[in-house]
N, C-alpha and C. Protein backbone atom coordinates (compact mmCIF):
# COMPACT_ATOMS: atom_id res chain seq x y z
N ILE A 1 -49.82 32.75 56.13
CA ILE A 1 -50.80 33.56 54.99
C ILE A 1 -49.88 34.31 53.63
N ASP A 2 -48.68 34.98 54.01
CA ASP A 2 -48.37 35.96 53.32
C ASP A 2 -48.03 34.91 51.87
N ALA A 3 -47.34 33.57 51.85
CA ALA A 3 -47.01 32.76 50.74
C ALA A 3 -48.22 32.03 50.16
N ILE A 4 -49.43 32.19 50.42
CA ILE A 4 -50.89 31.70 50.36
C ILE A 4 -51.28 33.37 49.29
N LEU A 5 -50.80 34.00 49.87
CA LEU A 5 -50.98 35.65 48.68
C LEU A 5 -50.09 35.43 47.72
N TYR A 6 -48.78 35.42 47.88
CA TYR A 6 -48.44 35.68 46.99
C TYR A 6 -48.28 34.29 45.60
N HIS A 7 -48.81 33.53 46.26
CA HIS A 7 -48.80 32.49 44.84
C HIS A 7 -50.40 32.57 44.65
N LEU A 8 -51.30 32.98 45.24
CA LEU A 8 -52.82 33.71 44.81
C LEU A 8 -52.75 34.84 43.46
N HIS A 9 -51.82 35.51 43.97
CA HIS A 9 -51.05 36.75 43.51
C HIS A 9 -51.00 36.36 41.81
N THR A 10 -49.64 35.56 42.11
CA THR A 10 -48.98 34.92 40.97
C THR A 10 -49.90 34.51 39.94
N LEU A 11 -51.15 33.02 40.34
CA LEU A 11 -52.11 32.59 40.17
C LEU A 11 -52.99 33.57 39.25
N LYS A 12 -53.75 34.70 40.23
CA LYS A 12 -54.69 35.44 39.59
C LYS A 12 -53.90 36.21 38.04
N GLY A 13 -52.56 36.51 38.12
CA GLY A 13 -52.04 37.60 36.77
C GLY A 13 -51.71 36.49 36.09
N SER A 14 -51.24 35.57 36.06
CA SER A 14 -50.87 34.35 35.32
C SER A 14 -52.17 34.03 33.93
N ALA A 15 -53.12 34.09 35.07
CA ALA A 15 -54.49 32.97 34.58
C ALA A 15 -55.03 34.21 33.92
N HIS A 16 -54.80 35.58 33.64
CA HIS A 16 -55.56 36.76 33.43
C HIS A 16 -54.65 36.72 32.34
N MET A 17 -53.44 37.21 32.40
CA MET A 17 -52.75 37.14 30.73
C MET A 17 -52.97 35.93 30.12
N ALA A 18 -53.05 34.69 30.40
CA ALA A 18 -53.30 33.97 29.70
C ALA A 18 -54.22 33.46 28.77
N GLY A 19 -55.72 34.64 29.78
CA GLY A 19 -56.72 34.29 29.11
C GLY A 19 -57.42 33.17 29.68
N VAL A 20 -57.37 32.61 31.07
CA VAL A 20 -57.83 31.61 31.27
C VAL A 20 -58.88 31.80 32.78
N GLN A 21 -60.13 32.66 31.91
CA GLN A 21 -61.05 33.19 33.46
C GLN A 21 -61.09 32.06 33.90
N PRO A 22 -61.91 30.73 33.98
CA PRO A 22 -62.21 30.17 35.14
C PRO A 22 -60.96 29.78 36.25
N ILE A 23 -59.79 29.93 36.06
CA ILE A 23 -58.97 30.02 36.83
C ILE A 23 -59.30 31.77 38.02
N ALA A 24 -59.01 32.61 37.21
CA ALA A 24 -58.62 34.00 37.41
C ALA A 24 -59.56 34.14 38.46
N VAL A 25 -61.39 33.65 37.89
CA VAL A 25 -62.63 33.71 38.48
C VAL A 25 -62.16 33.38 39.76
N LEU A 26 -61.62 32.40 40.02
CA LEU A 26 -61.55 31.62 41.46
C LEU A 26 -60.07 32.41 42.15
N ALA A 27 -59.08 32.33 41.15
CA ALA A 27 -58.32 33.21 42.06
C ALA A 27 -58.45 34.61 43.03
N SER A 28 -58.76 35.44 42.11
CA SER A 28 -58.78 36.72 42.57
C SER A 28 -60.13 37.13 43.91
N PRO A 29 -61.12 36.56 43.99
CA PRO A 29 -61.65 36.59 44.85
C PRO A 29 -60.76 36.14 46.50
N LEU A 30 -60.68 34.77 46.06
CA LEU A 30 -59.56 34.21 46.93
C LEU A 30 -58.33 34.94 47.77
N GLU A 31 -57.82 35.51 46.81
CA GLU A 31 -56.44 36.69 46.61
C GLU A 31 -57.20 38.05 47.80
N LYS A 32 -58.47 38.25 47.29
CA LYS A 32 -59.07 39.28 48.44
C LYS A 32 -59.63 38.90 50.07
N LEU A 33 -60.15 37.48 49.75
CA LEU A 33 -60.40 37.00 51.07
C LEU A 33 -58.68 37.19 52.19
N CYS A 34 -57.98 36.68 51.51
CA CYS A 34 -56.83 36.22 51.91
C CYS A 34 -55.98 37.74 52.49
N LYS A 35 -56.43 38.74 51.76
CA LYS A 35 -56.02 40.27 51.99
C LYS A 35 -56.37 40.52 53.21
N GLU A 36 -58.42 40.03 52.90
CA GLU A 36 -58.86 40.85 54.31
C GLU A 36 -58.32 40.44 55.74
N PHE A 37 -57.89 38.62 55.59
CA PHE A 37 -57.77 38.21 57.26
C PHE A 37 -56.59 39.15 57.49
N LYS A 38 -55.48 39.00 56.23
CA LYS A 38 -54.59 39.18 56.94
C LYS A 38 -54.56 40.97 57.48
N ALA A 39 -55.15 41.73 56.92
CA ALA A 39 -55.24 42.88 57.44
C ALA A 39 -55.93 43.11 58.63
N ASN A 40 -56.65 42.35 59.02
CA ASN A 40 -57.84 42.59 59.88
C ASN A 40 -57.04 41.47 60.90
N LEU A 41 -55.88 40.52 60.68
CA LEU A 41 -55.26 39.78 61.54
C LEU A 41 -56.67 38.60 62.14
N VAL A 42 -57.22 38.34 61.20
CA VAL A 42 -58.08 37.10 61.64
C VAL A 42 -57.36 35.79 61.28
N SER A 43 -57.72 35.22 62.26
CA SER A 43 -56.72 33.79 62.35
C SER A 43 -57.59 32.91 61.36
N ALA A 44 -57.11 31.90 60.88
CA ALA A 44 -57.79 30.96 59.73
C ALA A 44 -58.34 30.01 60.69
N ASP A 45 -59.55 29.29 60.92
CA ASP A 45 -60.71 28.54 61.40
C ASP A 45 -60.34 27.28 60.56
N ALA A 46 -61.68 26.95 60.82
CA ALA A 46 -61.85 25.45 60.15
C ALA A 46 -62.27 25.56 59.31
N ALA A 47 -63.39 26.70 59.20
CA ALA A 47 -64.24 26.95 58.00
C ALA A 47 -63.08 27.55 56.63
N LEU A 48 -62.24 28.29 56.74
CA LEU A 48 -61.15 29.10 56.08
C LEU A 48 -60.42 27.81 55.63
N VAL A 49 -59.64 27.00 56.67
CA VAL A 49 -59.22 25.65 55.76
C VAL A 49 -59.87 24.93 55.07
N GLU A 50 -61.64 24.20 55.40
CA GLU A 50 -61.62 24.29 54.67
C GLU A 50 -62.31 24.58 52.83
N LEU A 51 -62.84 26.18 53.22
CA LEU A 51 -62.94 26.62 52.39
C LEU A 51 -61.64 26.86 51.23
N LEU A 52 -60.16 26.92 52.01
CA LEU A 52 -59.03 26.81 50.77
C LEU A 52 -58.71 25.63 50.26
N SER A 53 -59.12 24.24 51.39
CA SER A 53 -58.96 22.95 50.30
C SER A 53 -60.45 22.52 49.70
N ASP A 54 -61.32 23.42 48.99
CA ASP A 54 -62.22 23.14 48.55
C ASP A 54 -61.88 24.14 47.07
N ALA A 55 -60.74 25.27 47.34
CA ALA A 55 -60.44 25.41 46.51
C ALA A 55 -59.57 25.23 45.62
N VAL A 56 -58.28 24.24 46.39
CA VAL A 56 -57.50 23.58 45.80
C VAL A 56 -58.19 22.73 44.92
N THR A 57 -59.14 22.05 45.13
CA THR A 57 -59.97 20.63 44.55
C THR A 57 -60.11 21.58 43.09
N LEU A 58 -60.84 22.59 43.26
CA LEU A 58 -61.46 23.62 41.90
C LEU A 58 -60.24 23.83 40.97
N PHE A 59 -58.99 24.23 41.49
CA PHE A 59 -58.13 24.73 41.31
C PHE A 59 -57.57 23.38 39.92
N GLU A 60 -57.61 22.07 40.67
CA GLU A 60 -57.19 21.06 39.93
C GLU A 60 -57.59 20.55 39.10
N GLN A 61 -59.16 20.70 39.38
CA GLN A 61 -60.03 20.36 37.88
C GLN A 61 -59.95 21.49 36.72
N GLY A 62 -59.68 22.76 37.23
CA GLY A 62 -59.19 23.62 36.38
C GLY A 62 -58.34 22.91 35.19
N LEU A 63 -57.03 23.02 36.25
CA LEU A 63 -55.82 22.51 35.47
C LEU A 63 -56.18 21.31 34.53
N GLN A 64 -56.77 20.20 35.29
CA GLN A 64 -57.27 19.04 33.91
C GLN A 64 -57.69 19.55 32.81
N GLN A 65 -58.87 20.46 32.89
CA GLN A 65 -60.12 21.11 32.07
C GLN A 65 -58.50 21.74 31.09
N LEU A 66 -57.58 22.40 31.52
CA LEU A 66 -56.90 23.05 30.05
C LEU A 66 -56.40 22.28 29.27
N ALA A 67 -56.43 21.08 29.00
CA ALA A 67 -55.71 20.00 28.33
C ALA A 67 -57.17 20.18 27.07
N TYR A 68 -58.33 20.02 27.47
CA TYR A 68 -59.30 20.01 26.19
C TYR A 68 -60.46 21.09 26.13
N ASP A 69 -60.30 22.26 27.35
CA ASP A 69 -61.39 23.23 27.36
C ASP A 69 -60.85 24.31 28.61
N PRO A 70 -60.34 24.97 27.84
CA PRO A 70 -59.34 25.72 29.03
C PRO A 70 -60.29 27.05 29.18
N HIS A 71 -61.60 27.15 28.40
CA HIS A 71 -62.44 28.16 28.76
C HIS A 71 -63.57 27.83 29.22
N ALA A 72 -63.89 26.55 30.12
CA ALA A 72 -65.00 26.46 30.28
C ALA A 72 -64.69 26.54 31.77
N PRO A 73 -65.96 26.89 32.37
CA PRO A 73 -66.46 27.16 33.51
C PRO A 73 -65.85 25.85 34.48
N ILE A 74 -65.50 25.82 35.64
CA ILE A 74 -64.89 24.57 36.66
C ILE A 74 -66.25 24.42 37.25
N ALA A 75 -66.90 23.21 37.20
CA ALA A 75 -68.09 22.79 37.57
C ALA A 75 -67.76 22.99 39.46
N GLY A 76 -68.99 23.71 39.68
CA GLY A 76 -68.98 23.90 41.52
C GLY A 76 -68.22 25.47 41.52
N THR A 77 -68.18 25.92 40.43
CA THR A 77 -67.50 27.40 41.10
C THR A 77 -68.45 28.80 41.61
N ASP A 78 -69.76 28.28 41.26
CA ASP A 78 -70.60 29.18 41.43
C ASP A 78 -71.32 29.31 43.33
N ASP A 79 -71.08 27.58 43.43
CA ASP A 79 -71.15 27.43 44.82
C ASP A 79 -70.11 28.00 45.17
N PHE A 80 -69.05 27.91 45.49
CA PHE A 80 -67.48 27.94 45.94
C PHE A 80 -67.95 29.32 46.34
N LEU A 81 -67.93 30.41 45.15
CA LEU A 81 -68.32 31.63 45.22
C LEU A 81 -69.25 31.91 45.99
N GLN A 82 -69.95 31.55 45.71
CA GLN A 82 -71.39 32.08 46.80
C GLN A 82 -70.50 31.92 48.73
N ARG A 83 -70.27 30.64 48.97
CA ARG A 83 -69.56 30.49 49.86
C ARG A 83 -68.71 31.67 50.74
N LEU A 84 -67.80 31.81 49.43
CA LEU A 84 -66.66 32.86 49.51
C LEU A 84 -67.25 34.14 50.15
N GLN A 85 -68.29 34.38 48.83
CA GLN A 85 -68.97 35.75 49.53
C GLN A 85 -69.61 35.74 51.09
N HIS A 86 -70.40 34.84 51.65
CA HIS A 86 -70.55 34.97 52.13
C HIS A 86 -69.48 35.16 53.51
N SER A 87 -68.12 34.40 52.95
CA SER A 87 -67.02 34.30 54.24
C SER A 87 -66.20 36.20 54.37
N LEU A 88 -66.62 37.08 53.10
CA LEU A 88 -66.18 38.04 53.20
C LEU A 88 -67.26 39.05 53.78
N GLY A 89 -68.28 38.84 53.83
CA GLY A 89 -68.88 39.42 54.40
C GLY A 89 -69.61 40.17 53.46
N GLY A 90 -69.88 40.26 51.98
CA GLY A 90 -70.75 40.75 50.56
C GLY A 90 -70.21 40.77 49.77
N PRO A 91 -70.28 41.06 48.73
CA PRO A 91 -69.89 40.60 47.16
C PRO A 91 -68.10 41.53 47.64
N PHE A 92 -67.94 40.60 46.06
CA PHE A 92 -66.38 40.74 45.75
C PHE A 92 -66.52 41.17 44.58
């Protein structure tokens, strides 16, 4: 999980610095989730793996959008963030 945390932290910071909020909106709560799991020694289960896999898909969509509209919301982000919020047990 350390490698995931490192890369999410870097992605979050880079997205914020570049002003690409759709990527930052995804990376920030994912980083928080991974920190919570690490702090509480929670093992990655199938639900977390699925969540991370879905995040990769959304990040890929966001990267494709960079060429033509970097500030447009990434389709599916709201549903994903609701699932993520449920995994955290509350608002992020």
